[in-house]
Amino acid sequence: MEQDRPTPPELRGISPTPWNPCIRCGQGIDASFTYCPHCGKPQREGAAWYYHPVWILVLGLLVIGPFALPLVLRSTKMTLAQKWIVGVLIVGNTVLVLYYTYRITQSLATTLRMLMGVMPLR
């Protein structure tokens, strides 16, 4: 008496889905998956462009300021010492930008008050 077991896909005319083990947890996953459905680990080597130290500095110093700090923490391309240095540079730059913004605003307000005293509006 033959046991009831499923027919392999190749005998049913269905090509089997290629699978690979996850690089973190080792579970078998579809080879086309970008992320492991079990642990969430990316299956491709390399990190996104915004995790590269140069781009983190560009974003942190010129574009998004202290909002780039999570990128520093999550970057796998930097050592702990480099993360500290980049973090301090971003925070220091943010403090300087805020200070000079305050000074410029204060100077403009003083100039406007002086001009309003000389030429009152009617």
PDB file of N, CA and C in Angstrom:
ATOM      1  N   MET A   1       0.835  -1.180   0.000  1.00  0.00           N
ATOM      2  CA  MET A   1       0.000   0.000   0.000  1.00  0.00           C
ATOM      3  C   MET A   1       0.883   1.248   0.000  1.00  0.00           C
ATOM      4  N   GLU A   2       0.686   2.077  -0.976  1.00  0.00           N
ATOM      5  CA  GLU A   2       1.511   3.275  -1.107  1.00  0.00           C
ATOM      6  C   GLU A   2       0.955   4.379  -0.212  1.00  0.00           C
ATOM      7  N   GLN A   3       1.873   5.076   0.460  1.00  0.00           N
ATOM      8  CA  GLN A   3       1.451   6.154   1.363  1.00  0.00           C
ATOM      9  C   GLN A   3       1.022   7.372   0.567  1.00  0.00           C
ATOM     10  N   ASP A   4       0.082   8.113   1.160  1.00  0.00           N
ATOM     11  CA  ASP A   4      -0.360   9.354   0.525  1.00  0.00           C
ATOM     12  C   ASP A   4       0.615  10.468   0.871  1.00  0.00           C
ATOM     13  N   ARG A   5       1.416  10.840  -0.064  1.00  0.00           N
ATOM     14  CA  ARG A   5       2.322  11.965   0.122  1.00  0.00           C
ATOM     15  C   ARG A   5       2.207  12.869  -1.087  1.00  0.00           C
ATOM     16  N   PRO A   6       2.516  14.144  -0.885  1.00  0.00           N
ATOM     17  CA  PRO A   6       2.348  15.079  -2.001  1.00  0.00           C
ATOM     18  C   PRO A   6       3.304  14.765  -3.145  1.00  0.00           C
ATOM     19  N   THR A   7       2.834  15.031  -4.337  1.00  0.00           N
ATOM     20  CA  THR A   7       3.656  14.835  -5.524  1.00  0.00           C
ATOM     21  C   THR A   7       4.622  15.999  -5.629  1.00  0.00           C
ATOM     22  N   PRO A   8       5.916  15.721  -5.873  1.00  0.00           N
ATOM     23  CA  PRO A   8       6.880  16.822  -6.031  1.00  0.00           C
ATOM     24  C   PRO A   8       6.458  17.743  -7.173  1.00  0.00           C
ATOM     25  N   PRO A   9       6.755  19.032  -7.070  1.00  0.00           N
ATOM     26  CA  PRO A   9       6.318  19.997  -8.088  1.00  0.00           C
ATOM     27  C   PRO A   9       6.792  19.655  -9.492  1.00  0.00           C
ATOM     28  N   GLU A  10       8.030  19.150  -9.604  1.00  0.00           N
ATOM     29  CA  GLU A  10       8.547  18.869 -10.944  1.00  0.00           C
ATOM     30  C   GLU A  10       7.783  17.741 -11.623  1.00  0.00           C
ATOM     31  N   LEU A  11       7.171  16.804 -10.849  1.00  0.00           N
ATOM     32  CA  LEU A  11       6.366  15.740 -11.435  1.00  0.00           C
ATOM     33  C   LEU A  11       4.966  16.224 -11.792  1.00  0.00           C
ATOM     34  N   ARG A  12       4.518  17.322 -11.212  1.00  0.00           N
ATOM     35  CA  ARG A  12       3.209  17.887 -11.526  1.00  0.00           C
ATOM     36  C   ARG A  12       3.296  18.880 -12.685  1.00  0.00           C
ATOM     37  N   GLY A  13       4.469  19.091 -13.257  1.00  0.00           N
ATOM     38  CA  GLY A  13       4.621  20.026 -14.354  1.00  0.00           C
ATOM     39  C   GLY A  13       4.869  21.456 -13.899  1.00  0.00           C
ATOM     40  N   ILE A  14       5.107  21.646 -12.606  1.00  0.00           N
ATOM     41  CA  ILE A  14       5.363  22.972 -12.059  1.00  0.00           C
ATOM     42  C   ILE A  14       6.850  23.059 -11.743  1.00  0.00           C
ATOM     43  N   SER A  15       7.482  24.102 -12.247  1.00  0.00           N
ATOM     44  CA  SER A  15       8.899  24.242 -11.933  1.00  0.00           C
ATOM     45  C   SER A  15       9.043  24.705 -10.482  1.00  0.00           C
ATOM     46  N   PRO A  16       9.952  24.109  -9.729  1.00  0.00           N
ATOM     47  CA  PRO A  16      10.107  24.501  -8.329  1.00  0.00           C
ATOM     48  C   PRO A  16      10.670  25.920  -8.216  1.00  0.00           C
ATOM     49  N   THR A  17      10.245  26.619  -7.183  1.00  0.00           N
ATOM     50  CA  THR A  17      10.735  27.968  -6.938  1.00  0.00           C
ATOM     51  C   THR A  17      12.141  27.863  -6.342  1.00  0.00           C
ATOM     52  N   PRO A  18      13.120  28.552  -6.957  1.00  0.00           N
ATOM     53  CA  PRO A  18      14.462  28.502  -6.363  1.00  0.00           C
ATOM     54  C   PRO A  18      14.454  29.215  -5.011  1.00  0.00           C
ATOM     55  N   TRP A  19      15.143  28.658  -4.058  1.00  0.00           N
ATOM     56  CA  TRP A  19      15.198  29.259  -2.739  1.00  0.00           C
ATOM     57  C   TRP A  19      16.631  29.292  -2.254  1.00  0.00           C
ATOM     58  N   ASN A  20      16.862  30.210  -1.376  1.00  0.00           N
ATOM     59  CA  ASN A  20      18.177  30.390  -0.762  1.00  0.00           C
ATOM     60  C   ASN A  20      17.984  30.489   0.734  1.00  0.00           C
ATOM     61  N   PRO A  21      18.999  30.134   1.500  1.00  0.00           N
ATOM     62  CA  PRO A  21      18.889  30.365   2.941  1.00  0.00           C
ATOM     63  C   PRO A  21      19.128  31.843   3.244  1.00  0.00           C
ATOM     64  N   CYS A  22      18.412  32.359   4.243  1.00  0.00           N
ATOM     65  CA  CYS A  22      18.606  33.739   4.679  1.00  0.00           C
ATOM     66  C   CYS A  22      20.019  33.904   5.217  1.00  0.00           C
ATOM     67  N   ILE A  23      20.636  35.065   4.945  1.00  0.00           N
ATOM     68  CA  ILE A  23      22.009  35.276   5.402  1.00  0.00           C
ATOM     69  C   ILE A  23      22.093  35.519   6.900  1.00  0.00           C
ATOM     70  N   ARG A  24      20.953  35.810   7.560  1.00  0.00           N
ATOM     71  CA  ARG A  24      20.970  35.996   9.006  1.00  0.00           C
ATOM     72  C   ARG A  24      20.421  34.778   9.751  1.00  0.00           C
ATOM     73  N   CYS A  25      19.181  34.387   9.447  1.00  0.00           N
ATOM     74  CA  CYS A  25      18.529  33.343  10.255  1.00  0.00           C
ATOM     75  C   CYS A  25      18.626  31.953   9.644  1.00  0.00           C
ATOM     76  N   GLY A  26      18.999  31.838   8.353  1.00  0.00           N
ATOM     77  CA  GLY A  26      19.181  30.533   7.733  1.00  0.00           C
ATOM     78  C   GLY A  26      17.903  29.884   7.230  1.00  0.00           C
ATOM     79  N   GLN A  27      16.750  30.492   7.437  1.00  0.00           N
ATOM     80  CA  GLN A  27      15.480  29.941   6.950  1.00  0.00           C
ATOM     81  C   GLN A  27      15.475  29.985   5.420  1.00  0.00           C
ATOM     82  N   GLY A  28      14.836  29.012   4.796  1.00  0.00           N
ATOM     83  CA  GLY A  28      14.729  28.988   3.352  1.00  0.00           C
ATOM     84  C   GLY A  28      13.724  30.024   2.875  1.00  0.00           C
ATOM     85  N   ILE A  29      14.149  30.865   1.933  1.00  0.00           N
ATOM     86  CA  ILE A  29      13.258  31.891   1.379  1.00  0.00           C
ATOM     87  C   ILE A  29      13.380  31.879  -0.132  1.00  0.00           C
ATOM     88  N   ASP A  30      12.391  32.442  -0.786  1.00  0.00           N
ATOM     89  CA  ASP A  30      12.384  32.551  -2.237  1.00  0.00           C
ATOM     90  C   ASP A  30      13.595  33.372  -2.675  1.00  0.00           C
ATOM     91  N   ALA A  31      14.271  32.928  -3.714  1.00  0.00           N
ATOM     92  CA  ALA A  31      15.495  33.606  -4.162  1.00  0.00           C
ATOM     93  C   ALA A  31      15.230  35.018  -4.661  1.00  0.00           C
ATOM     94  N   SER A  32      13.995  35.327  -5.037  1.00  0.00           N
ATOM     95  CA  SER A  32      13.697  36.661  -5.545  1.00  0.00           C
ATOM     96  C   SER A  32      13.396  37.661  -4.434  1.00  0.00           C
ATOM     97  N   PHE A  33      13.283  37.197  -3.197  1.00  0.00           N
ATOM     98  CA  PHE A  33      12.962  38.095  -2.084  1.00  0.00           C
ATOM     99  C   PHE A  33      14.133  39.024  -1.789  1.00  0.00           C
ATOM    100  N   THR A  34      13.834  40.297  -1.555  1.00  0.00           N
ATOM    101  CA  THR A  34      14.855  41.276  -1.193  1.00  0.00           C
ATOM    102  C   THR A  34      15.129  41.241   0.301  1.00  0.00           C
ATOM    103  N   TYR A  35      14.081  40.955   1.091  1.00  0.00           N
ATOM    104  CA  TYR A  35      14.190  40.886   2.542  1.00  0.00           C
ATOM    105  C   TYR A  35      13.666  39.537   3.018  1.00  0.00           C
ATOM    106  N   CYS A  36      14.222  39.038   4.088  1.00  0.00           N
ATOM    107  CA  CYS A  36      13.761  37.784   4.676  1.00  0.00           C
ATOM    108  C   CYS A  36      12.409  38.027   5.359  1.00  0.00           C
ATOM    109  N   PRO A  37      11.379  37.207   5.045  1.00  0.00           N
ATOM    110  CA  PRO A  37      10.092  37.405   5.700  1.00  0.00           C
ATOM    111  C   PRO A  37      10.095  36.963   7.165  1.00  0.00           C
ATOM    112  N   HIS A  38      11.132  36.247   7.587  1.00  0.00           N
ATOM    113  CA  HIS A  38      11.202  35.752   8.956  1.00  0.00           C
ATOM    114  C   HIS A  38      11.896  36.740   9.896  1.00  0.00           C
ATOM    115  N   CYS A  39      13.036  37.279   9.458  1.00  0.00           N
ATOM    116  CA  CYS A  39      13.801  38.168  10.349  1.00  0.00           C
ATOM    117  C   CYS A  39      13.939  39.598   9.816  1.00  0.00           C
ATOM    118  N   GLY A  40      13.612  39.844   8.534  1.00  0.00           N
ATOM    119  CA  GLY A  40      13.661  41.193   7.977  1.00  0.00           C
ATOM    120  C   GLY A  40      15.013  41.629   7.449  1.00  0.00           C
ATOM    121  N   LYS A  41      16.013  40.775   7.472  1.00  0.00           N
ATOM    122  CA  LYS A  41      17.359  41.134   7.025  1.00  0.00           C
ATOM    123  C   LYS A  41      17.398  41.301   5.504  1.00  0.00           C
ATOM    124  N   PRO A  42      18.002  42.407   4.998  1.00  0.00           N
ATOM    125  CA  PRO A  42      18.165  42.552   3.545  1.00  0.00           C
ATOM    126  C   PRO A  42      19.043  41.424   3.010  1.00  0.00           C
ATOM    127  N   GLN A  43      18.713  40.902   1.858  1.00  0.00           N
ATOM    128  CA  GLN A  43      19.437  39.759   1.304  1.00  0.00           C
ATOM    129  C   GLN A  43      20.504  40.158   0.307  1.00  0.00           C
ATOM    130  N   ARG A  44      20.594  41.434  -0.006  1.00  0.00           N
ATOM    131  CA  ARG A  44      21.642  41.905  -0.909  1.00  0.00           C
ATOM    132  C   ARG A  44      22.765  42.521  -0.102  1.00  0.00           C
ATOM    133  N   GLU A  45      23.954  42.407  -0.616  1.00  0.00           N
ATOM    134  CA  GLU A  45      25.101  43.026   0.033  1.00  0.00           C
ATOM    135  C   GLU A  45      25.113  44.511  -0.263  1.00  0.00           C
ATOM    136  N   GLY A  46      25.706  45.275   0.616  1.00  0.00           N
ATOM    137  CA  GLY A  46      25.794  46.714   0.426  1.00  0.00           C
ATOM    138  C   GLY A  46      24.636  47.411   1.091  1.00  0.00           C
ATOM    139  N   ALA A  47      24.833  48.661   1.374  1.00  0.00           N
ATOM    140  CA  ALA A  47      23.796  49.456   2.024  1.00  0.00           C
ATOM    141  C   ALA A  47      23.310  50.530   1.065  1.00  0.00           C
ATOM    142  N   ALA A  48      22.219  51.142   1.408  1.00  0.00           N
ATOM    143  CA  ALA A  48      21.676  52.220   0.582  1.00  0.00           C
ATOM    144  C   ALA A  48      22.660  53.385   0.532  1.00  0.00           C
ATOM    145  N   TRP A  49      22.532  54.205  -0.501  1.00  0.00           N
ATOM    146  CA  TRP A  49      23.477  55.311  -0.700  1.00  0.00           C
ATOM    147  C   TRP A  49      23.506  56.247   0.479  1.00  0.00           C
ATOM    148  N   TYR A  50      22.382  56.422   1.174  1.00  0.00           N
ATOM    149  CA  TYR A  50      22.336  57.402   2.257  1.00  0.00           C
ATOM    150  C   TYR A  50      22.963  56.895   3.545  1.00  0.00           C
ATOM    151  N   TYR A  51      23.484  55.676   3.565  1.00  0.00           N
ATOM    152  CA  TYR A  51      24.227  55.197   4.729  1.00  0.00           C
ATOM    153  C   TYR A  51      25.739  55.356   4.546  1.00  0.00           C
ATOM    154  N   HIS A  52      26.169  55.859   3.403  1.00  0.00           N
ATOM    155  CA  HIS A  52      27.597  56.084   3.161  1.00  0.00           C
ATOM    156  C   HIS A  52      28.014  57.346   3.924  1.00  0.00           C
ATOM    157  N   PRO A  53      29.166  57.321   4.603  1.00  0.00           N
ATOM    158  CA  PRO A  53      29.576  58.454   5.444  1.00  0.00           C
ATOM    159  C   PRO A  53      29.606  59.807   4.738  1.00  0.00           C
ATOM    160  N   VAL A  54      30.028  59.846   3.491  1.00  0.00           N
ATOM    161  CA  VAL A  54      30.095  61.125   2.772  1.00  0.00           C
ATOM    162  C   VAL A  54      28.692  61.705   2.595  1.00  0.00           C
ATOM    163  N   TRP A  55      27.738  60.867   2.206  1.00  0.00           N
ATOM    164  CA  TRP A  55      26.371  61.348   2.006  1.00  0.00           C
ATOM    165  C   TRP A  55      25.708  61.736   3.313  1.00  0.00           C
ATOM    166  N   ILE A  56      26.040  61.027   4.382  1.00  0.00           N
ATOM    167  CA  ILE A  56      25.501  61.405   5.689  1.00  0.00           C
ATOM    168  C   ILE A  56      25.987  62.801   6.060  1.00  0.00           C
ATOM    169  N   LEU A  57      27.266  63.082   5.819  1.00  0.00           N
ATOM    170  CA  LEU A  57      27.798  64.418   6.110  1.00  0.00           C
ATOM    171  C   LEU A  57      27.128  65.481   5.246  1.00  0.00           C
ATOM    172  N   VAL A  58      26.952  65.204   3.953  1.00  0.00           N
ATOM    173  CA  VAL A  58      26.300  66.172   3.067  1.00  0.00           C
ATOM    174  C   VAL A  58      24.878  66.437   3.552  1.00  0.00           C
ATOM    175  N   LEU A  59      24.137  65.383   3.832  1.00  0.00           N
ATOM    176  CA  LEU A  59      22.765  65.561   4.308  1.00  0.00           C
ATOM    177  C   LEU A  59      22.725  66.279   5.650  1.00  0.00           C
ATOM    178  N   GLY A  60      23.617  65.887   6.560  1.00  0.00           N
ATOM    179  CA  GLY A  60      23.602  66.461   7.902  1.00  0.00           C
ATOM    180  C   GLY A  60      24.060  67.899   7.965  1.00  0.00           C
ATOM    181  N   LEU A  61      25.036  68.259   7.148  1.00  0.00           N
ATOM    182  CA  LEU A  61      25.580  69.618   7.212  1.00  0.00           C
ATOM    183  C   LEU A  61      24.817  70.604   6.326  1.00  0.00           C
ATOM    184  N   LEU A  62      24.248  70.133   5.224  1.00  0.00           N
ATOM    185  CA  LEU A  62      23.647  71.065   4.275  1.00  0.00           C
ATOM    186  C   LEU A  62      22.137  70.956   4.121  1.00  0.00           C
ATOM    187  N   VAL A  63      21.562  69.809   4.443  1.00  0.00           N
ATOM    188  CA  VAL A  63      20.158  69.621   4.092  1.00  0.00           C
ATOM    189  C   VAL A  63      19.261  69.414   5.307  1.00  0.00           C
ATOM    190  N   ILE A  64      19.438  68.328   6.032  1.00  0.00           N
ATOM    191  CA  ILE A  64      18.467  67.971   7.070  1.00  0.00           C
ATOM    192  C   ILE A  64      18.985  68.121   8.491  1.00  0.00           C
ATOM    193  N   GLY A  65      20.204  68.551   8.635  1.00  0.00           N
ATOM    194  CA  GLY A  65      20.748  68.837   9.964  1.00  0.00           C
ATOM    195  C   GLY A  65      20.704  67.659  10.918  1.00  0.00           C
ATOM    196  N   PRO A  66      20.190  67.876  12.136  1.00  0.00           N
ATOM    197  CA  PRO A  66      20.229  66.821  13.148  1.00  0.00           C
ATOM    198  C   PRO A  66      19.327  65.629  12.818  1.00  0.00           C
ATOM    199  N   PHE A  67      18.465  65.765  11.816  1.00  0.00           N
ATOM    200  CA  PHE A  67      17.635  64.636  11.420  1.00  0.00           C
ATOM    201  C   PHE A  67      18.449  63.552  10.719  1.00  0.00           C
ATOM    202  N   ALA A  68      19.728  63.825  10.431  1.00  0.00           N
ATOM    203  CA  ALA A  68      20.619  62.825   9.837  1.00  0.00           C
ATOM    204  C   ALA A  68      21.259  61.936  10.896  1.00  0.00           C
ATOM    205  N   LEU A  69      21.083  62.256  12.166  1.00  0.00           N
ATOM    206  CA  LEU A  69      21.712  61.453  13.221  1.00  0.00           C
ATOM    207  C   LEU A  69      21.263  59.987  13.226  1.00  0.00           C
ATOM    208  N   PRO A  70      19.998  59.653  12.957  1.00  0.00           N
ATOM    209  CA  PRO A  70      19.655  58.227  12.868  1.00  0.00           C
ATOM    210  C   PRO A  70      20.397  57.507  11.746  1.00  0.00           C
ATOM    211  N   LEU A  71      20.704  58.208  10.662  1.00  0.00           N
ATOM    212  CA  LEU A  71      21.496  57.596   9.595  1.00  0.00           C
ATOM    213  C   LEU A  71      22.896  57.275  10.085  1.00  0.00           C
ATOM    214  N   VAL A  72      23.440  58.154  10.921  1.00  0.00           N
ATOM    215  CA  VAL A  72      24.770  57.909  11.488  1.00  0.00           C
ATOM    216  C   VAL A  72      24.733  56.647  12.336  1.00  0.00           C
ATOM    217  N   LEU A  73      23.733  56.527  13.166  1.00  0.00           N
ATOM    218  CA  LEU A  73      23.642  55.380  14.064  1.00  0.00           C
ATOM    219  C   LEU A  73      23.439  54.069  13.311  1.00  0.00           C
ATOM    220  N   ARG A  74      22.697  54.095  12.220  1.00  0.00           N
ATOM    221  CA  ARG A  74      22.384  52.867  11.490  1.00  0.00           C
ATOM    222  C   ARG A  74      23.408  52.507  10.426  1.00  0.00           C
ATOM    223  N   SER A  75      24.353  53.388  10.151  1.00  0.00           N
ATOM    224  CA  SER A  75      25.338  53.121   9.107  1.00  0.00           C
ATOM    225  C   SER A  75      26.239  51.956   9.509  1.00  0.00           C
ATOM    226  N   THR A  76      26.423  51.026   8.584  1.00  0.00           N
ATOM    227  CA  THR A  76      27.324  49.897   8.823  1.00  0.00           C
ATOM    228  C   THR A  76      28.707  50.156   8.240  1.00  0.00           C
ATOM    229  N   LYS A  77      28.876  51.281   7.578  1.00  0.00           N
ATOM    230  CA  LYS A  77      30.152  51.584   6.927  1.00  0.00           C
ATOM    231  C   LYS A  77      31.078  52.416   7.806  1.00  0.00           C
ATOM    232  N   MET A  78      30.637  52.758   9.017  1.00  0.00           N
ATOM    233  CA  MET A  78      31.459  53.576   9.911  1.00  0.00           C
ATOM    234  C   MET A  78      31.747  52.826  11.202  1.00  0.00           C
ATOM    235  N   THR A  79      32.927  53.089  11.740  1.00  0.00           N
ATOM    236  CA  THR A  79      33.259  52.554  13.060  1.00  0.00           C
ATOM    237  C   THR A  79      32.595  53.432  14.115  1.00  0.00           C
ATOM    238  N   LEU A  80      32.657  52.994  15.357  1.00  0.00           N
ATOM    239  CA  LEU A  80      32.050  53.762  16.443  1.00  0.00           C
ATOM    240  C   LEU A  80      32.704  55.142  16.570  1.00  0.00           C
ATOM    241  N   ALA A  81      34.024  55.194  16.427  1.00  0.00           N
ATOM    242  CA  ALA A  81      34.728  56.484  16.509  1.00  0.00           C
ATOM    243  C   ALA A  81      34.292  57.418  15.381  1.00  0.00           C
ATOM    244  N   GLN A  82      34.145  56.889  14.184  1.00  0.00           N
ATOM    245  CA  GLN A  82      33.695  57.714  13.064  1.00  0.00           C
ATOM    246  C   GLN A  82      32.270  58.204  13.285  1.00  0.00           C
ATOM    247  N   LYS A  83      31.423  57.361  13.862  1.00  0.00           N
ATOM    248  CA  LYS A  83      30.047  57.780  14.151  1.00  0.00           C
ATOM    249  C   LYS A  83      30.037  58.933  15.146  1.00  0.00           C
ATOM    250  N   TRP A  84      30.897  58.872  16.159  1.00  0.00           N
ATOM    251  CA  TRP A  84      30.991  59.966  17.131  1.00  0.00           C
ATOM    252  C   TRP A  84      31.449  61.258  16.457  1.00  0.00           C
ATOM    253  N   ILE A  85      32.466  61.158  15.617  1.00  0.00           N
ATOM    254  CA  ILE A  85      33.006  62.347  14.939  1.00  0.00           C
ATOM    255  C   ILE A  85      31.945  62.977  14.039  1.00  0.00           C
ATOM    256  N   VAL A  86      31.287  62.162  13.221  1.00  0.00           N
ATOM    257  CA  VAL A  86      30.256  62.679  12.316  1.00  0.00           C
ATOM    258  C   VAL A  86      29.096  63.253  13.126  1.00  0.00           C
ATOM    259  N   GLY A  87      28.692  62.579  14.197  1.00  0.00           N
ATOM    260  CA  GLY A  87      27.610  63.080  15.036  1.00  0.00           C
ATOM    261  C   GLY A  87      27.935  64.429  15.660  1.00  0.00           C
ATOM    262  N   VAL A  88      29.156  64.570  16.164  1.00  0.00           N
ATOM    263  CA  VAL A  88      29.574  65.842  16.764  1.00  0.00           C
ATOM    264  C   VAL A  88      29.634  66.942  15.709  1.00  0.00           C
ATOM    265  N   LEU A  89      30.109  66.621  14.511  1.00  0.00           N
ATOM    266  CA  LEU A  89      30.143  67.618  13.432  1.00  0.00           C
ATOM    267  C   LEU A  89      28.732  68.087  13.075  1.00  0.00           C
ATOM    268  N   ILE A  90      27.798  67.147  12.980  1.00  0.00           N
ATOM    269  CA  ILE A  90      26.430  67.515  12.624  1.00  0.00           C
ATOM    270  C   ILE A  90      25.788  68.362  13.716  1.00  0.00           C
ATOM    271  N   VAL A  91      25.950  67.960  14.972  1.00  0.00           N
ATOM    272  CA  VAL A  91      25.368  68.729  16.087  1.00  0.00           C
ATOM    273  C   VAL A  91      26.028  70.099  16.185  1.00  0.00           C
ATOM    274  N   GLY A  92      27.345  70.163  16.054  1.00  0.00           N
ATOM    275  CA  GLY A  92      28.046  71.450  16.099  1.00  0.00           C
ATOM    276  C   GLY A  92      27.612  72.377  14.985  1.00  0.00           C
ATOM    277  N   ASN A  93      27.475  71.840  13.776  1.00  0.00           N
ATOM    278  CA  ASN A  93      27.006  72.645  12.652  1.00  0.00           C
ATOM    279  C   ASN A  93      25.593  73.157  12.905  1.00  0.00           C
ATOM    280  N   THR A  94      24.744  72.326  13.472  1.00  0.00           N
ATOM    281  CA  THR A  94      23.369  72.734  13.766  1.00  0.00           C
ATOM    282  C   THR A  94      23.345  73.876  14.778  1.00  0.00           C
ATOM    283  N   VAL A  95      24.179  73.772  15.806  1.00  0.00           N
ATOM    284  CA  VAL A  95      24.243  74.834  16.818  1.00  0.00           C
ATOM    285  C   VAL A  95      24.714  76.142  16.181  1.00  0.00           C
ATOM    286  N   LEU A  96      25.729  76.074  15.328  1.00  0.00           N
ATOM    287  CA  LEU A  96      26.222  77.287  14.659  1.00  0.00           C
ATOM    288  C   LEU A  96      25.158  77.907  13.755  1.00  0.00           C
ATOM    289  N   VAL A  97      24.466  77.088  12.995  1.00  0.00           N
ATOM    290  CA  VAL A  97      23.419  77.604  12.111  1.00  0.00           C
ATOM    291  C   VAL A  97      22.323  78.280  12.928  1.00  0.00           C
ATOM    292  N   LEU A  98      21.900  77.654  14.012  1.00  0.00           N
ATOM    293  CA  LEU A  98      20.874  78.262  14.860  1.00  0.00           C
ATOM    294  C   LEU A  98      21.355  79.563  15.493  1.00  0.00           C
ATOM    295  N   TYR A  99      22.605  79.601  15.946  1.00  0.00           N
ATOM    296  CA  TYR A  99      23.152  80.812  16.555  1.00  0.00           C
ATOM    297  C   TYR A  99      23.183  81.959  15.560  1.00  0.00           C
ATOM    298  N   TYR A 100      23.719  81.709  14.355  1.00  0.00           N
ATOM    299  CA  TYR A 100      23.807  82.778  13.364  1.00  0.00           C
ATOM    300  C   TYR A 100      22.430  83.180  12.839  1.00  0.00           C
ATOM    301  N   THR A 101      21.505  82.263  12.771  1.00  0.00           N
ATOM    302  CA  THR A 101      20.133  82.617  12.399  1.00  0.00           C
ATOM    303  C   THR A 101      19.533  83.551  13.440  1.00  0.00           C
ATOM    304  N   TYR A 102      19.756  83.260  14.704  1.00  0.00           N
ATOM    305  CA  TYR A 102      19.285  84.126  15.782  1.00  0.00           C
ATOM    306  C   TYR A 102      19.913  85.510  15.683  1.00  0.00           C
ATOM    307  N   ARG A 103      21.231  85.569  15.486  1.00  0.00           N
ATOM    308  CA  ARG A 103      21.932  86.864  15.403  1.00  0.00           C
ATOM    309  C   ARG A 103      21.447  87.698  14.223  1.00  0.00           C
ATOM    310  N   ILE A 104      21.259  87.065  13.074  1.00  0.00           N
ATOM    311  CA  ILE A 104      20.795  87.791  11.895  1.00  0.00           C
ATOM    312  C   ILE A 104      19.375  88.304  12.122  1.00  0.00           C
ATOM    313  N   THR A 105      18.517  87.464  12.696  1.00  0.00           N
ATOM    314  CA  THR A 105      17.141  87.885  12.974  1.00  0.00           C
ATOM    315  C   THR A 105      17.118  89.039  13.967  1.00  0.00           C
ATOM    316  N   GLN A 106      17.952  88.967  14.987  1.00  0.00           N
ATOM    317  CA  GLN A 106      18.034  90.031  15.989  1.00  0.00           C
ATOM    318  C   GLN A 106      18.513  91.333  15.337  1.00  0.00           C
ATOM    319  N   SER A 107      19.500  91.245  14.471  1.00  0.00           N
ATOM    320  CA  SER A 107      20.018  92.420  13.788  1.00  0.00           C
ATOM    321  C   SER A 107      18.967  93.030  12.867  1.00  0.00           C
ATOM    322  N   LEU A 108      18.244  92.207  12.148  1.00  0.00           N
ATOM    323  CA  LEU A 108      17.189  92.721  11.277  1.00  0.00           C
ATOM    324  C   LEU A 108      16.067  93.376  12.079  1.00  0.00           C
ATOM    325  N   ALA A 109      15.708  92.789  13.206  1.00  0.00           N
ATOM    326  CA  ALA A 109      14.658  93.375  14.041  1.00  0.00           C
ATOM    327  C   ALA A 109      15.103  94.731  14.584  1.00  0.00           C
ATOM    328  N   THR A 110      16.350  94.855  14.998  1.00  0.00           N
ATOM    329  CA  THR A 110      16.876  96.127  15.497  1.00  0.00           C
ATOM    330  C   THR A 110      16.868  97.181  14.395  1.00  0.00           C
ATOM    331  N   THR A 111      17.287  96.811  13.200  1.00  0.00           N
ATOM    332  CA  THR A 111      17.304  97.733  12.071  1.00  0.00           C
ATOM    333  C   THR A 111      15.895  98.185  11.721  1.00  0.00           C
ATOM    334  N   LEU A 112      14.937  97.258  11.723  1.00  0.00           N
ATOM    335  CA  LEU A 112      13.554  97.627  11.424  1.00  0.00           C
ATOM    336  C   LEU A 112      12.979  98.551  12.482  1.00  0.00           C
ATOM    337  N   ARG A 113      13.282  98.296  13.750  1.00  0.00           N
ATOM    338  CA  ARG A 113      12.798  99.184  14.818  1.00  0.00           C
ATOM    339  C   ARG A 113      13.372 100.581  14.652  1.00  0.00           C
ATOM    340  N   MET A 114      14.653 100.674  14.295  1.00  0.00           N
ATOM    341  CA  MET A 114      15.295 101.964  14.100  1.00  0.00           C
ATOM    342  C   MET A 114      14.663 102.695  12.913  1.00  0.00           C
ATOM    343  N   LEU A 115      14.432 101.998  11.808  1.00  0.00           N
ATOM    344  CA  LEU A 115      13.815 102.618  10.643  1.00  0.00           C
ATOM    345  C   LEU A 115      12.383 103.047  10.907  1.00  0.00           C
ATOM    346  N   MET A 116      11.666 102.275  11.686  1.00  0.00           N
ATOM    347  CA  MET A 116      10.290 102.640  12.033  1.00  0.00           C
ATOM    348  C   MET A 116      10.250 103.889  12.903  1.00  0.00           C
ATOM    349  N   GLY A 117      11.278 104.106  13.712  1.00  0.00           N
ATOM    350  CA  GLY A 117      11.352 105.310  14.537  1.00  0.00           C
ATOM    351  C   GLY A 117      11.666 106.534  13.721  1.00  0.00           C
ATOM    352  N   VAL A 118      12.462 106.396  12.682  1.00  0.00           N
ATOM    353  CA  VAL A 118      12.842 107.510  11.821  1.00  0.00           C
ATOM    354  C   VAL A 118      11.714 107.846  10.872  1.00  0.00           C
ATOM    355  N   MET A 119      11.084 106.854  10.270  1.00  0.00           N
ATOM    356  CA  MET A 119      10.004 107.081   9.308  1.00  0.00           C
ATOM    357  C   MET A 119       8.760 106.332   9.777  1.00  0.00           C
ATOM    358  N   PRO A 120       7.945 106.969  10.615  1.00  0.00           N
ATOM    359  CA  PRO A 120       6.723 106.292  11.084  1.00  0.00           C
ATOM    360  C   PRO A 120       5.734 106.093   9.946  1.00  0.00           C
ATOM    361  N   LEU A 121       5.014 104.984  10.011  1.00  0.00           N
ATOM    362  CA  LEU A 121       3.997 104.687   8.972  1.00  0.00           C
ATOM    363  C   LEU A 121       2.738 105.468   9.248  1.00  0.00           C
ATOM    364  N   ARG A 122       2.035 105.870   8.240  1.00  0.00           N
ATOM    365  CA  ARG A 122       0.771 106.585   8.390  1.00  0.00           C
ATOM    366  C   ARG A 122      -0.354 105.783   7.861  1.00  0.00           C
TER     367      ARG A 122
END
